Amino acid sequence: MIAHQLIKTIKAHRGPIIVEVNNFDDTFYIQAVKADVLLQLGKFEADEETGFQLNAEGFLGKDYTHAHR
């Protein structure tokens, strides 16, 4: 997702933000502080592709559909 769109989506989301963490064999989901996630996303340019997406349930993970555009 584009940075400004993702930030807007996260701000509008009600409920916890769950971040996907991967190693070679496993995927873990960890609840994150929304303000901390927004702080990190603020490091992207507003129109830059982040490579992340937030789904309707609040899971933040790799954006497989838009990451390489």
PDB file of N, CA and C in Angstrom:
ATOM      1  N   MET A   1       0.840  -1.181   0.000  1.00  0.00           N
ATOM      2  CA  MET A   1       0.000   0.000   0.000  1.00  0.00           C
ATOM      3  C   MET A   1       0.883   1.241   0.000  1.00  0.00           C
ATOM      4  N   ILE A   2       0.388   2.285  -0.606  1.00  0.00           N
ATOM      5  CA  ILE A   2       1.072   3.569  -0.602  1.00  0.00           C
ATOM      6  C   ILE A   2       1.030   4.115   0.838  1.00  0.00           C
ATOM      7  N   ALA A   3       2.113   4.727   1.271  1.00  0.00           N
ATOM      8  CA  ALA A   3       2.277   5.133   2.673  1.00  0.00           C
ATOM      9  C   ALA A   3       1.107   5.969   3.188  1.00  0.00           C
ATOM     10  N   HIS A   4       0.723   7.010   2.478  1.00  0.00           N
ATOM     11  CA  HIS A   4      -0.342   7.864   3.015  1.00  0.00           C
ATOM     12  C   HIS A   4      -1.681   7.123   3.089  1.00  0.00           C
ATOM     13  N   GLN A   5      -1.926   6.190   2.178  1.00  0.00           N
ATOM     14  CA  GLN A   5      -3.157   5.400   2.225  1.00  0.00           C
ATOM     15  C   GLN A   5      -3.138   4.432   3.407  1.00  0.00           C
ATOM     16  N   LEU A   6      -1.987   3.806   3.644  1.00  0.00           N
ATOM     17  CA  LEU A   6      -1.865   2.860   4.756  1.00  0.00           C
ATOM     18  C   LEU A   6      -1.999   3.581   6.094  1.00  0.00           C
ATOM     19  N   ILE A   7      -1.379   4.738   6.222  1.00  0.00           N
ATOM     20  CA  ILE A   7      -1.489   5.521   7.458  1.00  0.00           C
ATOM     21  C   ILE A   7      -2.942   5.907   7.709  1.00  0.00           C
ATOM     22  N   LYS A   8      -3.631   6.345   6.673  1.00  0.00           N
ATOM     23  CA  LYS A   8      -5.046   6.701   6.798  1.00  0.00           C
ATOM     24  C   LYS A   8      -5.880   5.489   7.216  1.00  0.00           C
ATOM     25  N   THR A   9      -5.599   4.341   6.631  1.00  0.00           N
ATOM     26  CA  THR A   9      -6.325   3.107   6.954  1.00  0.00           C
ATOM     27  C   THR A   9      -6.083   2.683   8.408  1.00  0.00           C
ATOM     28  N   ILE A  10      -4.840   2.782   8.856  1.00  0.00           N
ATOM     29  CA  ILE A  10      -4.518   2.413  10.242  1.00  0.00           C
ATOM     30  C   ILE A  10      -5.192   3.360  11.220  1.00  0.00           C
ATOM     31  N   LYS A  11      -5.170   4.653  10.939  1.00  0.00           N
ATOM     32  CA  LYS A  11      -5.819   5.624  11.831  1.00  0.00           C
ATOM     33  C   LYS A  11      -7.318   5.378  11.929  1.00  0.00           C
ATOM     34  N   ALA A  12      -7.937   4.945  10.828  1.00  0.00           N
ATOM     35  CA  ALA A  12      -9.378   4.696  10.814  1.00  0.00           C
ATOM     36  C   ALA A  12      -9.761   3.362  11.449  1.00  0.00           C
ATOM     37  N   HIS A  13      -8.801   2.443  11.543  1.00  0.00           N
ATOM     38  CA  HIS A  13      -9.091   1.109  12.079  1.00  0.00           C
ATOM     39  C   HIS A  13      -9.394   1.187  13.576  1.00  0.00           C
ATOM     40  N   ARG A  14     -10.467   0.557  13.978  1.00  0.00           N
ATOM     41  CA  ARG A  14     -10.836   0.477  15.392  1.00  0.00           C
ATOM     42  C   ARG A  14     -10.492  -0.923  15.878  1.00  0.00           C
ATOM     43  N   GLY A  15      -9.670  -0.979  16.891  1.00  0.00           N
ATOM     44  CA  GLY A  15      -9.248  -2.263  17.419  1.00  0.00           C
ATOM     45  C   GLY A  15      -7.743  -2.396  17.333  1.00  0.00           C
ATOM     46  N   PRO A  16      -7.234  -3.543  17.765  1.00  0.00           N
ATOM     47  CA  PRO A  16      -5.775  -3.731  17.807  1.00  0.00           C
ATOM     48  C   PRO A  16      -5.173  -3.889  16.414  1.00  0.00           C
ATOM     49  N   ILE A  17      -3.903  -3.529  16.301  1.00  0.00           N
ATOM     50  CA  ILE A  17      -3.116  -3.769  15.103  1.00  0.00           C
ATOM     51  C   ILE A  17      -2.228  -4.976  15.407  1.00  0.00           C
ATOM     52  N   ILE A  18      -2.344  -5.995  14.590  1.00  0.00           N
ATOM     53  CA  ILE A  18      -1.590  -7.232  14.770  1.00  0.00           C
ATOM     54  C   ILE A  18      -0.558  -7.311  13.645  1.00  0.00           C
ATOM     55  N   VAL A  19       0.728  -7.367  14.018  1.00  0.00           N
ATOM     56  CA  VAL A  19       1.815  -7.355  13.042  1.00  0.00           C
ATOM     57  C   VAL A  19       2.311  -8.777  12.808  1.00  0.00           C
ATOM     58  N   GLU A  20       2.486  -9.106  11.539  1.00  0.00           N
ATOM     59  CA  GLU A  20       2.996 -10.418  11.124  1.00  0.00           C
ATOM     60  C   GLU A  20       4.520 -10.422  11.236  1.00  0.00           C
ATOM     61  N   VAL A  21       5.059 -11.418  11.921  1.00  0.00           N
ATOM     62  CA  VAL A  21       6.507 -11.588  12.065  1.00  0.00           C
ATOM     63  C   VAL A  21       6.855 -12.984  11.570  1.00  0.00           C
ATOM     64  N   ASN A  22       7.830 -13.064  10.644  1.00  0.00           N
ATOM     65  CA  ASN A  22       8.187 -14.344  10.032  1.00  0.00           C
ATOM     66  C   ASN A  22       9.642 -14.698  10.290  1.00  0.00           C
ATOM     67  N   ASN A  23       9.879 -15.988  10.415  1.00  0.00           N
ATOM     68  CA  ASN A  23      11.242 -16.499  10.287  1.00  0.00           C
ATOM     69  C   ASN A  23      11.196 -17.510   9.146  1.00  0.00           C
ATOM     70  N   PHE A  24      12.159 -18.380   9.050  1.00  0.00           N
ATOM     71  CA  PHE A  24      12.182 -19.317   7.930  1.00  0.00           C
ATOM     72  C   PHE A  24      11.067 -20.355   7.985  1.00  0.00           C
ATOM     73  N   ASP A  25      10.608 -20.696   9.178  1.00  0.00           N
ATOM     74  CA  ASP A  25       9.649 -21.785   9.329  1.00  0.00           C
ATOM     75  C   ASP A  25       8.280 -21.369   9.856  1.00  0.00           C
ATOM     76  N   ASP A  26       8.211 -20.263  10.569  1.00  0.00           N
ATOM     77  CA  ASP A  26       6.994 -19.921  11.299  1.00  0.00           C
ATOM     78  C   ASP A  26       6.555 -18.485  11.042  1.00  0.00           C
ATOM     79  N   THR A  27       5.282 -18.249  11.289  1.00  0.00           N
ATOM     80  CA  THR A  27       4.727 -16.904  11.284  1.00  0.00           C
ATOM     81  C   THR A  27       4.072 -16.675  12.636  1.00  0.00           C
ATOM     82  N   PHE A  28       4.409 -15.569  13.257  1.00  0.00           N
ATOM     83  CA  PHE A  28       3.819 -15.185  14.533  1.00  0.00           C
ATOM     84  C   PHE A  28       3.065 -13.884  14.331  1.00  0.00           C
ATOM     85  N   TYR A  29       2.044 -13.652  15.128  1.00  0.00           N
ATOM     86  CA  TYR A  29       1.267 -12.430  15.081  1.00  0.00           C
ATOM     87  C   TYR A  29       1.353 -11.760  16.441  1.00  0.00           C
ATOM     88  N   ILE A  30       1.833 -10.517  16.444  1.00  0.00           N
ATOM     89  CA  ILE A  30       2.095  -9.793  17.685  1.00  0.00           C
ATOM     90  C   ILE A  30       1.308  -8.493  17.664  1.00  0.00           C
ATOM     91  N   GLN A  31       0.619  -8.210  18.770  1.00  0.00           N
ATOM     92  CA  GLN A  31      -0.122  -6.957  18.858  1.00  0.00           C
ATOM     93  C   GLN A  31       0.860  -5.803  19.019  1.00  0.00           C
ATOM     94  N   ALA A  32       0.672  -4.759  18.222  1.00  0.00           N
ATOM     95  CA  ALA A  32       1.572  -3.609  18.234  1.00  0.00           C
ATOM     96  C   ALA A  32       0.823  -2.365  18.705  1.00  0.00           C
ATOM     97  N   VAL A  33       1.574  -1.415  19.212  1.00  0.00           N
ATOM     98  CA  VAL A  33       1.018  -0.123  19.592  1.00  0.00           C
ATOM     99  C   VAL A  33       0.816   0.686  18.310  1.00  0.00           C
ATOM    100  N   LYS A  34      -0.407   1.125  18.080  1.00  0.00           N
ATOM    101  CA  LYS A  34      -0.743   1.822  16.841  1.00  0.00           C
ATOM    102  C   LYS A  34       0.164   3.035  16.616  1.00  0.00           C
ATOM    103  N   ALA A  35       0.438   3.801  17.653  1.00  0.00           N
ATOM    104  CA  ALA A  35       1.293   4.988  17.521  1.00  0.00           C
ATOM    105  C   ALA A  35       2.698   4.606  17.066  1.00  0.00           C
ATOM    106  N   ASP A  36       3.212   3.478  17.533  1.00  0.00           N
ATOM    107  CA  ASP A  36       4.542   3.029  17.122  1.00  0.00           C
ATOM    108  C   ASP A  36       4.565   2.609  15.649  1.00  0.00           C
ATOM    109  N   VAL A  37       3.516   1.949  15.202  1.00  0.00           N
ATOM    110  CA  VAL A  37       3.416   1.549  13.795  1.00  0.00           C
ATOM    111  C   VAL A  37       3.354   2.798  12.915  1.00  0.00           C
ATOM    112  N   LEU A  38       2.553   3.775  13.319  1.00  0.00           N
ATOM    113  CA  LEU A  38       2.439   5.011  12.545  1.00  0.00           C
ATOM    114  C   LEU A  38       3.763   5.766  12.511  1.00  0.00           C
ATOM    115  N   LEU A  39       4.490   5.757  13.598  1.00  0.00           N
ATOM    116  CA  LEU A  39       5.801   6.411  13.647  1.00  0.00           C
ATOM    117  C   LEU A  39       6.748   5.783  12.629  1.00  0.00           C
ATOM    118  N   GLN A  40       6.768   4.465  12.544  1.00  0.00           N
ATOM    119  CA  GLN A  40       7.637   3.781  11.588  1.00  0.00           C
ATOM    120  C   GLN A  40       7.197   4.034  10.150  1.00  0.00           C
ATOM    121  N   LEU A  41       5.902   4.045   9.907  1.00  0.00           N
ATOM    122  CA  LEU A  41       5.405   4.294   8.546  1.00  0.00           C
ATOM    123  C   LEU A  41       5.652   5.734   8.114  1.00  0.00           C
ATOM    124  N   GLY A  42       5.791   6.636   9.079  1.00  0.00           N
ATOM    125  CA  GLY A  42       6.092   8.026   8.774  1.00  0.00           C
ATOM    126  C   GLY A  42       7.467   8.216   8.157  1.00  0.00           C
ATOM    127  N   LYS A  43       8.306   7.191   8.193  1.00  0.00           N
ATOM    128  CA  LYS A  43       9.638   7.260   7.593  1.00  0.00           C
ATOM    129  C   LYS A  43       9.592   7.101   6.072  1.00  0.00           C
ATOM    130  N   PHE A  44       8.471   6.620   5.549  1.00  0.00           N
ATOM    131  CA  PHE A  44       8.280   6.511   4.104  1.00  0.00           C
ATOM    132  C   PHE A  44       7.844   7.865   3.557  1.00  0.00           C
ATOM    133  N   GLU A  45       8.151   8.130   2.293  1.00  0.00           N
ATOM    134  CA  GLU A  45       7.589   9.298   1.613  1.00  0.00           C
ATOM    135  C   GLU A  45       6.087   9.055   1.466  1.00  0.00           C
ATOM    136  N   ALA A  46       5.295  10.099   1.434  1.00  0.00           N
ATOM    137  CA  ALA A  46       3.832   9.976   1.414  1.00  0.00           C
ATOM    138  C   ALA A  46       3.323   9.131   0.254  1.00  0.00           C
ATOM    139  N   ASP A  47       3.966   9.227  -0.912  1.00  0.00           N
ATOM    140  CA  ASP A  47       3.497   8.490  -2.084  1.00  0.00           C
ATOM    141  C   ASP A  47       4.333   7.247  -2.372  1.00  0.00           C
ATOM    142  N   GLU A  48       5.128   6.810  -1.409  1.00  0.00           N
ATOM    143  CA  GLU A  48       6.006   5.647  -1.578  1.00  0.00           C
ATOM    144  C   GLU A  48       5.261   4.354  -1.242  1.00  0.00           C
ATOM    145  N   GLU A  49       5.522   3.311  -2.006  1.00  0.00           N
ATOM    146  CA  GLU A  49       4.971   1.978  -1.737  1.00  0.00           C
ATOM    147  C   GLU A  49       5.682   1.408  -0.513  1.00  0.00           C
ATOM    148  N   THR A  50       4.910   0.974   0.480  1.00  0.00           N
ATOM    149  CA  THR A  50       5.491   0.452   1.720  1.00  0.00           C
ATOM    150  C   THR A  50       5.769  -1.041   1.656  1.00  0.00           C
ATOM    151  N   GLY A  51       4.986  -1.772   0.861  1.00  0.00           N
ATOM    152  CA  GLY A  51       5.113  -3.227   0.832  1.00  0.00           C
ATOM    153  C   GLY A  51       4.290  -3.904   1.911  1.00  0.00           C
ATOM    154  N   PHE A  52       3.480  -3.119   2.647  1.00  0.00           N
ATOM    155  CA  PHE A  52       2.621  -3.649   3.705  1.00  0.00           C
ATOM    156  C   PHE A  52       1.168  -3.364   3.376  1.00  0.00           C
ATOM    157  N   GLN A  53       0.290  -4.144   3.989  1.00  0.00           N
ATOM    158  CA  GLN A  53      -1.140  -3.881   3.894  1.00  0.00           C
ATOM    159  C   GLN A  53      -1.797  -4.216   5.225  1.00  0.00           C
ATOM    160  N   LEU A  54      -2.920  -3.589   5.482  1.00  0.00           N
ATOM    161  CA  LEU A  54      -3.721  -3.851   6.676  1.00  0.00           C
ATOM    162  C   LEU A  54      -5.051  -4.420   6.216  1.00  0.00           C
ATOM    163  N   ASN A  55      -5.405  -5.612   6.737  1.00  0.00           N
ATOM    164  CA  ASN A  55      -6.693  -6.173   6.331  1.00  0.00           C
ATOM    165  C   ASN A  55      -7.788  -5.701   7.287  1.00  0.00           C
ATOM    166  N   ALA A  56      -9.017  -6.071   7.024  1.00  0.00           N
ATOM    167  CA  ALA A  56     -10.170  -5.607   7.801  1.00  0.00           C
ATOM    168  C   ALA A  56     -10.129  -6.054   9.259  1.00  0.00           C
ATOM    169  N   GLU A  57      -9.413  -7.143   9.544  1.00  0.00           N
ATOM    170  CA  GLU A  57      -9.320  -7.647  10.922  1.00  0.00           C
ATOM    171  C   GLU A  57      -8.181  -6.994  11.707  1.00  0.00           C
ATOM    172  N   GLY A  58      -7.402  -6.128  11.063  1.00  0.00           N
ATOM    173  CA  GLY A  58      -6.326  -5.428  11.754  1.00  0.00           C
ATOM    174  C   GLY A  58      -4.971  -6.094  11.662  1.00  0.00           C
ATOM    175  N   PHE A  59      -4.823  -7.070  10.759  1.00  0.00           N
ATOM    176  CA  PHE A  59      -3.540  -7.741  10.578  1.00  0.00           C
ATOM    177  C   PHE A  59      -2.694  -6.956   9.574  1.00  0.00           C
ATOM    178  N   LEU A  60      -1.507  -6.532  10.005  1.00  0.00           N
ATOM    179  CA  LEU A  60      -0.568  -5.797   9.168  1.00  0.00           C
ATOM    180  C   LEU A  60       0.518  -6.753   8.724  1.00  0.00           C
ATOM    181  N   GLY A  61       0.636  -6.938   7.421  1.00  0.00           N
ATOM    182  CA  GLY A  61       1.623  -7.873   6.900  1.00  0.00           C
ATOM    183  C   GLY A  61       2.059  -7.484   5.508  1.00  0.00           C
ATOM    184  N   LYS A  62       2.798  -8.371   4.871  1.00  0.00           N
ATOM    185  CA  LYS A  62       3.343  -8.130   3.531  1.00  0.00           C
ATOM    186  C   LYS A  62       2.206  -7.957   2.533  1.00  0.00           C
ATOM    187  N   ASP A  63       2.362  -6.971   1.664  1.00  0.00           N
ATOM    188  CA  ASP A  63       1.394  -6.710   0.609  1.00  0.00           C
ATOM    189  C   ASP A  63       1.826  -7.466  -0.628  1.00  0.00           C
ATOM    190  N   TYR A  64       1.287  -8.655  -0.819  1.00  0.00           N
ATOM    191  CA  TYR A  64       1.690  -9.501  -1.935  1.00  0.00           C
ATOM    192  C   TYR A  64       1.150  -9.007  -3.267  1.00  0.00           C
ATOM    193  N   THR A  65       0.114  -8.190  -3.254  1.00  0.00           N
ATOM    194  CA  THR A  65      -0.508  -7.758  -4.505  1.00  0.00           C
ATOM    195  C   THR A  65       0.108  -6.479  -5.082  1.00  0.00           C
ATOM    196  N   HIS A  66       0.694  -5.617  -4.238  1.00  0.00           N
ATOM    197  CA  HIS A  66       1.178  -4.324  -4.726  1.00  0.00           C
ATOM    198  C   HIS A  66       2.654  -4.066  -4.458  1.00  0.00           C
ATOM    199  N   ALA A  67       3.352  -4.959  -3.841  1.00  0.00           N
ATOM    200  CA  ALA A  67       4.726  -4.696  -3.382  1.00  0.00           C
ATOM    201  C   ALA A  67       5.711  -4.457  -4.514  1.00  0.00           C
ATOM    202  N   HIS A  68       5.477  -4.988  -5.681  1.00  0.00           N
ATOM    203  CA  HIS A  68       6.462  -4.887  -6.755  1.00  0.00           C
ATOM    204  C   HIS A  68       5.990  -4.011  -7.914  1.00  0.00           C
ATOM    205  N   ARG A  69       5.082  -3.128  -7.666  1.00  0.00           N
ATOM    206  CA  ARG A  69       4.589  -2.234  -8.742  1.00  0.00           C
ATOM    207  C   ARG A  69       5.386  -0.975  -8.772  1.00  0.00           C
TER     208      ARG A  69
END
